[in-house]
């Protein structure tokens, strides 16, 4: 029996319609068809993003809440990068 994969990448394709639009050795860009619309929803996604790529928050925002507010709520493009 084979397990079915239902979650792909940070934020997941099922919940937000995220699709890879660019990929390099140190960067991932996603197009997001249905981004979070509320801060509560975005905070949950921000925690997933932090687990996947802490540099996004640690080196770009003062807090995970600020990241959720400024980079996730109603934003259709998500970028992840690694040093």
C-alpha atoms as a PDB file:
ATOM      1  CA  UNK A   1       0.000   0.000   0.000  1.00  0.00           C
ATOM      2  CA  UNK A   2       1.337   3.445  -0.900  1.00  0.00           C
ATOM      3  CA  UNK A   3       0.724   6.545   1.189  1.00  0.00           C
ATOM      4  CA  UNK A   4      -0.739   9.492  -0.650  1.00  0.00           C
ATOM      5  CA  UNK A   5       1.081  12.772  -0.243  1.00  0.00           C
ATOM      6  CA  UNK A   6      -1.383  15.568   0.495  1.00  0.00           C
ATOM      7  CA  UNK A   7       0.935  18.302   1.751  1.00  0.00           C
ATOM      8  CA  UNK A   8       3.617  19.764  -0.456  1.00  0.00           C
ATOM      9  CA  UNK A   9       6.033  22.394   0.780  1.00  0.00           C
ATOM     10  CA  UNK A  10       5.515  25.175   3.272  1.00  0.00           C
ATOM     11  CA  UNK A  11       1.867  26.116   3.543  1.00  0.00           C
ATOM     12  CA  UNK A  12       0.747  23.246   1.350  1.00  0.00           C
ATOM     13  CA  UNK A  13      -0.828  23.169  -2.081  1.00  0.00           C
ATOM     14  CA  UNK A  14      -4.143  21.908  -0.752  1.00  0.00           C
ATOM     15  CA  UNK A  15      -4.826  24.829   1.563  1.00  0.00           C
ATOM     16  CA  UNK A  16      -3.456  27.777  -0.379  1.00  0.00           C
ATOM     17  CA  UNK A  17      -2.926  26.657  -3.955  1.00  0.00           C
ATOM     18  CA  UNK A  18       0.839  27.197  -3.647  1.00  0.00           C
ATOM     19  CA  UNK A  19       2.877  26.422  -6.754  1.00  0.00           C
ATOM     20  CA  UNK A  20       6.637  26.570  -7.279  1.00  0.00           C
ATOM     21  CA  UNK A  21       7.538  29.356  -9.717  1.00  0.00           C
ATOM     22  CA  UNK A  22      11.309  29.469  -9.154  1.00  0.00           C
ATOM     23  CA  UNK A  23      13.862  27.253  -7.474  1.00  0.00           C
ATOM     24  CA  UNK A  24      17.618  27.603  -7.047  1.00  0.00           C
ATOM     25  CA  UNK A  25      20.223  26.202  -4.673  1.00  0.00           C
ATOM     26  CA  UNK A  26      19.365  28.814  -2.019  1.00  0.00           C
ATOM     27  CA  UNK A  27      15.910  30.163  -2.894  1.00  0.00           C
ATOM     28  CA  UNK A  28      12.351  28.948  -3.395  1.00  0.00           C
ATOM     29  CA  UNK A  29       9.555  31.144  -4.785  1.00  0.00           C
ATOM     30  CA  UNK A  30       5.904  30.170  -4.598  1.00  0.00           C
ATOM     31  CA  UNK A  31       2.830  31.626  -6.253  1.00  0.00           C
ATOM     32  CA  UNK A  32      -0.066  31.447  -3.808  1.00  0.00           C
ATOM     33  CA  UNK A  33      -3.576  31.338  -5.272  1.00  0.00           C
ATOM     34  CA  UNK A  34      -5.441  31.669  -1.964  1.00  0.00           C
ATOM     35  CA  UNK A  35      -3.193  33.220   0.712  1.00  0.00           C
ATOM     36  CA  UNK A  36      -4.299  33.518   4.354  1.00  0.00           C
ATOM     37  CA  UNK A  37      -6.887  36.252   4.850  1.00  0.00           C
ATOM     38  CA  UNK A  38      -6.734  36.650   8.624  1.00  0.00           C
ATOM     39  CA  UNK A  39      -3.895  37.184  11.065  1.00  0.00           C
ATOM     40  CA  UNK A  40      -4.822  34.029  13.008  1.00  0.00           C
ATOM     41  CA  UNK A  41      -4.604  31.928   9.858  1.00  0.00           C
ATOM     42  CA  UNK A  42      -1.339  33.624   8.854  1.00  0.00           C
ATOM     43  CA  UNK A  43       0.226  33.025  12.288  1.00  0.00           C
ATOM     44  CA  UNK A  44      -0.322  29.287  11.934  1.00  0.00           C
ATOM     45  CA  UNK A  45       1.287  29.353   8.476  1.00  0.00           C
ATOM     46  CA  UNK A  46       4.126  31.527   9.776  1.00  0.00           C
ATOM     47  CA  UNK A  47       4.971  28.834  12.331  1.00  0.00           C
ATOM     48  CA  UNK A  48       5.227  26.294   9.490  1.00  0.00           C
ATOM     49  CA  UNK A  49       7.387  28.693   7.485  1.00  0.00           C
ATOM     50  CA  UNK A  50       9.669  29.224  10.476  1.00  0.00           C
ATOM     51  CA  UNK A  51      10.155  25.459  10.849  1.00  0.00           C
ATOM     52  CA  UNK A  52      10.923  25.182   7.114  1.00  0.00           C
ATOM     53  CA  UNK A  53      13.095  28.299   6.741  1.00  0.00           C
ATOM     54  CA  UNK A  54      13.910  30.219   9.941  1.00  0.00           C
ATOM     55  CA  UNK A  55      16.141  32.687   8.055  1.00  0.00           C
ATOM     56  CA  UNK A  56      13.033  34.311   6.562  1.00  0.00           C
ATOM     57  CA  UNK A  57      11.877  35.427   9.993  1.00  0.00           C
ATOM     58  CA  UNK A  58      15.144  35.728  11.951  1.00  0.00           C
ATOM     59  CA  UNK A  59      16.924  37.823   9.349  1.00  0.00           C
ATOM     60  CA  UNK A  60      14.024  39.701   7.809  1.00  0.00           C
ATOM     61  CA  UNK A  61      11.453  40.496  10.519  1.00  0.00           C
ATOM     62  CA  UNK A  62      11.453  41.478  14.168  1.00  0.00           C
ATOM     63  CA  UNK A  63       8.902  38.795  15.093  1.00  0.00           C
ATOM     64  CA  UNK A  64       6.900  35.944  13.675  1.00  0.00           C
ATOM     65  CA  UNK A  65       3.766  38.075  14.118  1.00  0.00           C
ATOM     66  CA  UNK A  66       5.237  40.850  11.971  1.00  0.00           C
ATOM     67  CA  UNK A  67       6.181  38.269   9.328  1.00  0.00           C
ATOM     68  CA  UNK A  68       2.612  36.952   9.321  1.00  0.00           C
ATOM     69  CA  UNK A  69       1.149  40.462   9.018  1.00  0.00           C
ATOM     70  CA  UNK A  70       3.527  41.805   6.377  1.00  0.00           C
ATOM     71  CA  UNK A  71       4.439  38.761   4.297  1.00  0.00           C
ATOM     72  CA  UNK A  72       1.506  36.369   4.478  1.00  0.00           C
ATOM     73  CA  UNK A  73      -1.899  38.012   4.914  1.00  0.00           C
ATOM     74  CA  UNK A  74      -3.284  38.495   1.403  1.00  0.00           C
ATOM     75  CA  UNK A  75       0.156  38.073  -0.241  1.00  0.00           C
ATOM     76  CA  UNK A  76       0.200  35.900  -3.366  1.00  0.00           C
ATOM     77  CA  UNK A  77       3.985  35.415  -3.513  1.00  0.00           C
ATOM     78  CA  UNK A  78       6.075  33.699  -0.861  1.00  0.00           C
ATOM     79  CA  UNK A  79       9.871  33.526  -0.963  1.00  0.00           C
ATOM     80  CA  UNK A  80      12.166  31.311   1.079  1.00  0.00           C
ATOM     81  CA  UNK A  81      15.940  31.691   1.117  1.00  0.00           C
ATOM     82  CA  UNK A  82      18.895  30.137   2.857  1.00  0.00           C
ATOM     83  CA  UNK A  83      22.386  31.503   3.465  1.00  0.00           C
END
